[in-house]
């Protein structure tokens, strides 16, 4: 009798729960018989892409029959100039997720220890599990990475540490001095992944010089993306900044043509649209202030966010509230696990979207005694 697929598959797939994406907005509307649903679940830029990026996309469409530049020459050159590094310090990815995957496949081996904050971006733990690593989970402190405790959790078996800054799903950012102290405390043999997907939203006084560790030659990779403030989530393009020797190893495993023509062109144009970035920051800060005030009036709160989303403690079953909001045409992200069963994550939207969320939430909470956990 032939072996089952489970027997033929990697043993590290056992116990791994796949990431469950939400349904398209159009399908939600069709199923529930509603119109005009607002999506506040995926931390996207509510203003959409840069107009300059849209123009670049239109111009690039006629060359869609050509393979993309496999090395991302022009985009990497522009990024290198902005970051004061060389093109050899840069790797492009199909979103930051691909670069995270490359880091895991290139460096993690069964039995290695990986230090991760808890809770943090779910992919960190998934990739460690898939490589057969031991996950060392360090609880957050005040909803923020406890970098002092994470440094103490590093042992001679630790291969990699993941730092989300700002952290998803809490939105919190660590102070620059805390990252400096962490880097001084850990061995130079430990690979440090600093995920800065939301860094463009962070207040200036909280922005660390993470790239400085790369320039020093530390085994650090800093991840950034065009999916958030640049509004190009659908094109899937991100980048990593790391020592050239690390980039060279990652490129050995990187698939050819991993970032497409449209994504590269749009990202290059978006980089120069400073007005779009400024408008996106302004809309985010105004929306954050409005939501924080209105949630406070409802007796609800969450940690202070340095990103474009809020973690909200509903003090009742978060999944049930998210389902009730969905029926009112407002899509948010329910969470779970040992810390977040009463929480939802909500993207900061446009003023009308934020108002729609607050009104829907008021209605759900006022009519939903059955929602209490």
Protein backbone atom coordinates (compact mmCIF):
# COMPACT_ATOMS: atom_id res chain seq x y z
CA UNK A 1 0.00 0.00 0.00
CA UNK A 2 1.49 3.42 -0.95
CA UNK A 3 2.37 5.88 1.74
CA UNK A 4 -0.09 8.67 2.50
CA UNK A 5 0.75 12.24 1.56
CA UNK A 6 1.10 13.01 5.28
CA UNK A 7 3.84 10.38 5.51
CA UNK A 8 5.60 11.74 2.43
CA UNK A 9 5.41 15.36 3.57
CA UNK A 10 7.90 17.14 5.79
CA UNK A 11 7.33 16.11 9.41
CA UNK A 12 7.50 19.79 10.37
CA UNK A 13 4.17 20.41 8.63
CA UNK A 14 2.45 18.56 11.46
CA UNK A 15 0.72 20.92 13.83
CA UNK A 16 1.16 23.88 11.49
CA UNK A 17 -2.09 25.77 10.94
CA UNK A 18 -2.29 27.54 7.57
CA UNK A 19 -2.86 31.27 7.41
CA UNK A 20 -6.55 31.87 6.76
CA UNK A 21 -7.21 34.85 4.48
CA UNK A 22 -10.43 36.81 4.59
CA UNK A 23 -12.95 36.66 1.76
CA UNK A 24 -12.98 39.34 -0.97
CA UNK A 25 -15.16 42.33 -0.12
CA UNK A 26 -17.38 41.60 -3.10
CA UNK A 27 -18.06 38.07 -1.88
CA UNK A 28 -18.86 39.30 1.63
CA UNK A 29 -21.38 41.74 0.15
CA UNK A 30 -22.93 39.02 -2.01
CA UNK A 31 -23.23 36.51 0.83
CA UNK A 32 -24.69 38.97 3.33
CA UNK A 33 -26.79 40.95 0.88
CA UNK A 34 -25.15 44.26 1.74
CA UNK A 35 -23.53 47.06 -0.25
CA UNK A 36 -20.70 49.46 0.43
CA UNK A 37 -18.77 47.30 2.88
CA UNK A 38 -15.60 48.85 4.28
CA UNK A 39 -12.48 46.77 4.81
CA UNK A 40 -10.49 47.66 7.92
CA UNK A 41 -8.83 44.30 8.43
CA UNK A 42 -5.53 44.24 6.54
CA UNK A 43 -3.67 47.45 7.46
CA UNK A 44 -3.81 48.85 3.94
CA UNK A 45 -3.45 52.53 3.05
CA UNK A 46 -7.04 53.83 2.70
CA UNK A 47 -5.88 56.51 0.24
CA UNK A 48 -4.73 53.85 -2.18
CA UNK A 49 -1.55 53.99 -4.25
CA UNK A 50 0.39 57.09 -5.18
CA UNK A 51 -0.95 58.79 -8.32
CA UNK A 52 2.61 58.71 -9.64
CA UNK A 53 2.69 54.95 -9.11
CA UNK A 54 -0.61 54.55 -10.98
CA UNK A 55 0.79 56.47 -13.95
CA UNK A 56 3.91 54.30 -13.92
CA UNK A 57 1.72 51.18 -13.89
CA UNK A 58 -0.21 52.32 -16.95
CA UNK A 59 3.01 53.06 -18.82
CA UNK A 60 4.50 49.68 -17.86
CA UNK A 61 1.51 47.60 -19.00
CA UNK A 62 2.64 47.55 -22.62
CA UNK A 63 5.84 45.74 -21.56
CA UNK A 64 4.01 43.03 -19.63
CA UNK A 65 5.12 40.44 -22.18
CA UNK A 66 8.74 40.94 -21.08
CA UNK A 67 10.30 39.31 -18.04
CA UNK A 68 11.11 41.76 -15.25
CA UNK A 69 14.59 42.92 -14.38
CA UNK A 70 15.68 39.98 -12.25
CA UNK A 71 18.04 42.15 -10.24
CA UNK A 72 15.74 45.14 -9.75
CA UNK A 73 18.56 47.43 -10.89
CA UNK A 74 16.77 50.82 -10.92
CA UNK A 75 14.70 50.27 -7.80
CA UNK A 76 17.68 49.05 -5.79
CA UNK A 77 19.77 51.99 -7.00
CA UNK A 78 17.10 54.46 -5.86
CA UNK A 79 16.76 52.71 -2.49
CA UNK A 80 20.52 52.60 -2.04
CA UNK A 81 20.80 56.36 -2.61
CA UNK A 82 18.03 57.04 -0.10
CA UNK A 83 19.35 54.66 2.56
CA UNK A 84 23.04 55.51 2.07
CA UNK A 85 24.01 51.93 1.35
CA UNK A 86 25.05 50.12 -1.82
CA UNK A 87 22.84 48.06 -4.12
CA UNK A 88 24.70 45.02 -2.81
CA UNK A 89 23.09 45.67 0.59
CA UNK A 90 19.59 45.20 -0.88
CA UNK A 91 17.35 42.29 -1.79
CA UNK A 92 13.87 42.65 -3.29
CA UNK A 93 11.06 40.27 -2.42
CA UNK A 94 7.50 39.39 -3.32
CA UNK A 95 6.47 41.31 -0.23
CA UNK A 96 8.53 41.08 2.96
CA UNK A 97 7.02 37.66 3.53
CA UNK A 98 9.20 36.17 0.81
CA UNK A 99 12.33 37.61 2.39
CA UNK A 100 11.29 36.24 5.79
CA UNK A 101 10.85 32.86 4.12
CA UNK A 102 14.29 33.13 2.50
CA UNK A 103 15.87 33.94 5.86
CA UNK A 104 14.29 30.87 7.40
CA UNK A 105 15.21 28.53 4.55
CA UNK A 106 18.77 29.79 4.24
CA UNK A 107 19.72 29.93 7.92
CA UNK A 108 17.43 27.91 10.18
CA UNK A 109 18.07 24.22 10.83
CA UNK A 110 16.16 21.66 12.92
CA UNK A 111 16.97 22.15 16.58
CA UNK A 112 17.95 25.82 16.30
CA UNK A 113 16.33 28.18 18.77
CA UNK A 114 14.42 31.20 17.50
CA UNK A 115 13.45 34.00 19.89
CA UNK A 116 10.11 35.66 19.14
CA UNK A 117 7.94 38.13 21.06
CA UNK A 118 4.48 36.90 22.01
CA UNK A 119 2.18 37.97 20.46
CA UNK A 120 3.86 39.05 17.23
CA UNK A 121 3.38 38.62 13.48
CA UNK A 122 2.17 35.06 13.02
CA UNK A 123 4.57 34.28 10.16
CA UNK A 124 7.65 34.39 12.41
CA UNK A 125 6.47 31.40 14.40
CA UNK A 126 5.17 29.56 11.34
CA UNK A 127 8.54 29.75 9.60
CA UNK A 128 10.44 28.62 12.71
CA UNK A 129 8.03 25.67 13.10
CA UNK A 130 8.39 24.71 9.44
CA UNK A 131 12.18 24.53 9.79
CA UNK A 132 11.94 22.32 12.86
CA UNK A 133 13.19 24.99 15.25
CA UNK A 134 12.42 25.48 18.91
CA UNK A 135 10.43 28.68 19.41
CA UNK A 136 11.37 30.68 22.49
CA UNK A 137 8.37 32.94 23.10
CA UNK A 138 8.96 36.03 25.22
CA UNK A 139 5.79 37.79 26.48
CA UNK A 140 5.33 41.45 25.64
CA UNK A 141 5.81 44.02 28.39
CA UNK A 142 3.22 46.78 28.32
CA UNK A 143 2.12 45.40 24.93
CA UNK A 144 5.62 46.13 23.57
CA UNK A 145 8.60 43.91 22.76
CA UNK A 146 10.51 43.28 25.98
CA UNK A 147 13.93 43.49 24.37
CA UNK A 148 15.77 43.11 27.65
CA UNK A 149 13.99 39.81 28.32
CA UNK A 150 14.48 38.73 24.70
CA UNK A 151 18.23 39.35 25.00
CA UNK A 152 18.32 37.26 28.18
CA UNK A 153 16.43 34.48 26.37
CA UNK A 154 19.23 34.12 23.82
CA UNK A 155 21.42 31.06 24.41
CA UNK A 156 24.26 29.35 22.59
CA UNK A 157 21.59 27.49 20.56
CA UNK A 158 19.84 30.66 19.40
CA UNK A 159 20.20 31.19 15.65
CA UNK A 160 17.74 34.02 14.99
CA UNK A 161 15.67 36.72 16.71
CA UNK A 162 12.62 38.38 15.15
CA UNK A 163 11.75 41.95 16.13
CA UNK A 164 8.60 43.55 14.70
CA UNK A 165 8.88 47.31 15.07
CA UNK A 166 6.12 48.46 15.11
CA UNK A 167 4.73 45.14 16.23
CA UNK A 168 1.79 43.50 14.50
CA UNK A 169 -0.84 43.04 15.99
CA UNK A 170 -0.27 45.53 18.83
CA UNK A 171 0.98 48.53 16.82
CA UNK A 172 3.54 49.35 19.50
CA UNK A 173 7.10 50.51 18.84
CA UNK A 174 10.17 50.15 21.02
CA UNK A 175 12.39 53.11 21.87
CA UNK A 176 15.56 53.46 19.76
CA UNK A 177 17.73 53.15 22.86
CA UNK A 178 16.16 49.78 23.65
CA UNK A 179 17.22 48.39 20.28
CA UNK A 180 20.73 49.77 20.80
CA UNK A 181 20.93 48.06 24.20
CA UNK A 182 19.60 44.81 22.74
CA UNK A 183 22.20 44.77 19.96
CA UNK A 184 24.96 45.40 22.49
CA UNK A 185 23.68 42.56 24.70
CA UNK A 186 23.37 39.77 22.12
CA UNK A 187 26.17 37.81 20.52
CA UNK A 188 27.29 38.93 17.09
CA UNK A 189 26.69 35.34 15.93
CA UNK A 190 22.92 35.75 16.31
CA UNK A 191 20.96 36.73 13.22
CA UNK A 192 18.57 39.61 13.97
CA UNK A 193 15.54 40.27 11.76
CA UNK A 194 14.09 43.75 12.29
CA UNK A 195 10.72 43.96 10.54
CA UNK A 196 9.90 47.61 9.87
CA UNK A 197 6.87 47.21 7.60
CA UNK A 198 5.11 50.17 9.27
CA UNK A 199 8.16 52.36 9.91
CA UNK A 200 6.94 55.25 7.72
CA UNK A 201 4.04 55.78 10.12
CA UNK A 202 6.24 55.95 13.23
CA UNK A 203 6.78 59.31 14.98
CA UNK A 204 10.24 60.65 14.27
CA UNK A 205 11.42 60.36 17.87
CA UNK A 206 10.70 56.61 17.83
CA UNK A 207 12.45 55.80 14.54
CA UNK A 208 15.67 53.84 15.24
CA UNK A 209 18.73 53.78 13.01
CA UNK A 210 18.31 50.08 12.30
CA UNK A 211 20.17 50.36 9.01
CA UNK A 212 23.14 51.59 11.03
CA UNK A 213 23.62 48.06 12.37
CA UNK A 214 23.79 46.82 8.77
CA UNK A 215 26.41 49.44 7.91
CA UNK A 216 28.40 48.23 10.94
CA UNK A 217 28.42 44.74 9.42
CA UNK A 218 26.25 43.11 12.11
CA UNK A 219 24.24 40.05 11.02
CA UNK A 220 21.07 42.12 10.79
CA UNK A 221 18.44 42.34 8.07
CA UNK A 222 15.99 45.24 8.12
CA UNK A 223 12.74 44.58 6.28
CA UNK A 224 10.58 47.28 4.71
CA UNK A 225 7.68 47.19 2.30
CA UNK A 226 5.68 49.08 -0.30
CA UNK A 227 2.49 47.40 0.94
CA UNK A 228 1.63 49.83 3.73
CA UNK A 229 2.08 53.60 3.46
CA UNK A 230 2.96 53.36 -0.25
CA UNK A 231 -0.36 51.65 -0.95
CA UNK A 232 0.97 48.87 -3.20
CA UNK A 233 -0.14 45.81 -1.19
CA UNK A 234 -1.71 44.17 -4.23
CA UNK A 235 1.56 44.26 -6.17
CA UNK A 236 3.54 42.43 -3.45
CA UNK A 237 6.91 44.10 -3.26
CA UNK A 238 9.18 44.62 -0.28
CA UNK A 239 12.90 44.79 0.37
CA UNK A 240 15.57 43.81 2.84
CA UNK A 241 18.68 45.77 3.86
CA UNK A 242 21.51 43.50 5.02
CA UNK A 243 25.27 43.03 4.78
CA UNK A 244 26.25 42.08 1.19
CA UNK A 245 27.45 38.66 2.35
CA UNK A 246 23.99 37.89 3.74
CA UNK A 247 22.28 39.20 0.60
CA UNK A 248 24.52 36.99 -1.54
CA UNK A 249 23.46 33.90 0.39
CA UNK A 250 19.77 34.83 0.19
CA UNK A 251 20.09 35.37 -3.55
CA UNK A 252 21.27 31.79 -3.96
CA UNK A 253 17.81 30.61 -2.86
CA UNK A 254 15.77 33.47 -4.35
CA UNK A 255 13.65 32.45 -7.33
CA UNK A 256 14.45 34.21 -10.63
CA UNK A 257 12.16 37.14 -11.51
CA UNK A 258 10.57 37.13 -8.04
CA UNK A 259 9.35 40.74 -8.30
CA UNK A 260 7.31 41.62 -11.35
CA UNK A 261 7.62 44.48 -13.85
CA UNK A 262 4.59 46.39 -12.57
CA UNK A 263 5.63 46.14 -8.94
CA UNK A 264 9.15 47.43 -9.62
CA UNK A 265 7.96 50.35 -11.74
CA UNK A 266 5.22 51.36 -9.29
CA UNK A 267 7.55 51.13 -6.29
CA UNK A 268 10.16 53.29 -8.01
CA UNK A 269 7.57 55.97 -8.76
CA UNK A 270 5.99 55.77 -5.28
CA UNK A 271 9.35 56.45 -3.62
CA UNK A 272 9.40 59.98 -5.03
CA UNK A 273 5.79 60.91 -4.27
CA UNK A 274 6.43 62.76 -1.02
CA UNK A 275 3.05 64.48 -1.13
CA UNK A 276 1.25 61.11 -1.08
CA UNK A 277 3.35 59.97 1.87
CA UNK A 278 2.64 63.19 3.77
CA UNK A 279 -1.10 62.94 3.06
CA UNK A 280 -1.14 59.32 4.16
CA UNK A 281 0.57 60.17 7.45
CA UNK A 282 -1.84 63.07 8.09
CA UNK A 283 -4.94 60.97 7.42
CA UNK A 284 -3.55 58.27 9.69
CA UNK A 285 -2.78 60.60 12.60
CA UNK A 286 -6.17 62.33 12.39
CA UNK A 287 -7.94 58.99 12.17
CA UNK A 288 -5.98 57.60 15.09
CA UNK A 289 -6.90 60.58 17.26
CA UNK A 290 -10.59 60.31 16.30
CA UNK A 291 -10.79 56.57 16.93
CA UNK A 292 -8.91 56.76 20.22
CA UNK A 293 -11.28 59.46 21.46
CA UNK A 294 -14.44 57.66 20.36
CA UNK A 295 -13.30 54.31 21.72
CA UNK A 296 -12.51 55.97 25.03
CA UNK A 297 -16.08 57.27 25.17
CA UNK A 298 -17.20 53.65 24.81
CA UNK A 299 -14.96 52.62 27.68
CA UNK A 300 -12.60 50.78 25.31
CA UNK A 301 -8.89 51.11 24.88
CA UNK A 302 -5.77 49.46 23.58
CA UNK A 303 -2.04 50.08 23.47
CA UNK A 304 -0.77 53.31 21.88
CA UNK A 305 -0.18 52.58 18.20
CA UNK A 306 2.76 53.83 16.16
CA UNK A 307 1.35 52.16 13.03
CA UNK A 308 -1.79 52.46 10.88
CA UNK A 309 -4.01 50.20 12.97
CA UNK A 310 -5.33 49.84 16.50
CA UNK A 311 -5.56 46.84 18.79
CA UNK A 312 -8.81 47.16 20.73
CA UNK A 313 -9.78 45.25 23.86
CA UNK A 314 -13.55 44.78 23.65
CA UNK A 315 -13.74 43.03 27.04
CA UNK A 316 -15.88 40.36 25.38
CA UNK A 317 -15.53 37.74 22.65
CA UNK A 318 -13.65 39.52 19.88
CA UNK A 319 -14.58 37.01 17.19
CA UNK A 320 -18.29 37.37 17.96
CA UNK A 321 -18.06 41.16 17.73
CA UNK A 322 -16.15 40.92 14.44
CA UNK A 323 -18.88 38.66 13.03
CA UNK A 324 -21.57 41.12 14.12
CA UNK A 325 -19.65 44.01 12.55
CA UNK A 326 -19.31 42.00 9.35
CA UNK A 327 -23.09 41.77 9.08
CA UNK A 328 -23.14 45.56 9.22
CA UNK A 329 -20.64 45.80 6.38
CA UNK A 330 -17.55 46.58 8.47
CA UNK A 331 -14.68 44.10 8.09
CA UNK A 332 -12.16 44.00 10.95
CA UNK A 333 -9.61 41.39 12.04
CA UNK A 334 -10.57 39.15 14.98
CA UNK A 335 -7.61 37.78 16.89
CA UNK A 336 -7.28 35.02 19.46
CA UNK A 337 -4.76 32.93 21.32
CA UNK A 338 -4.01 33.19 25.00
CA UNK A 339 -3.71 36.97 25.03
CA UNK A 340 -6.07 38.36 22.40
CA UNK A 341 -9.38 36.47 22.52
CA UNK A 342 -11.21 39.66 23.52
CA UNK A 343 -9.43 41.86 20.98
CA UNK A 344 -9.87 42.98 17.38
CA UNK A 345 -7.39 44.74 15.12
CA UNK A 346 -8.78 47.66 13.14
CA UNK A 347 -7.06 49.52 10.32
CA UNK A 348 -7.24 53.31 10.53
CA UNK A 349 -9.29 54.33 7.50
CA UNK A 350 -10.60 57.51 5.91
CA UNK A 351 -12.83 59.74 8.05
CA UNK A 352 -16.06 58.22 6.62
CA UNK A 353 -14.72 54.69 7.16
CA UNK A 354 -13.70 55.45 10.73
CA UNK A 355 -17.11 56.96 11.47
CA UNK A 356 -18.83 53.94 9.90
CA UNK A 357 -16.82 51.62 12.15
CA UNK A 358 -17.60 53.57 15.32
CA UNK A 359 -21.34 53.71 14.56
CA UNK A 360 -21.42 49.99 13.76
CA UNK A 361 -19.46 49.16 16.91
CA UNK A 362 -21.81 51.25 19.06
CA UNK A 363 -24.79 49.42 17.59
CA UNK A 364 -23.24 45.99 18.11
CA UNK A 365 -22.21 46.68 21.70
CA UNK A 366 -25.54 48.21 22.66
CA UNK A 367 -27.56 45.33 21.27
CA UNK A 368 -25.19 42.49 22.10
CA UNK A 369 -25.29 41.34 25.71
CA UNK A 370 -24.82 37.85 24.23
CA UNK A 371 -21.38 38.92 23.02
CA UNK A 372 -19.86 39.02 26.48
CA UNK A 373 -17.13 36.44 27.05
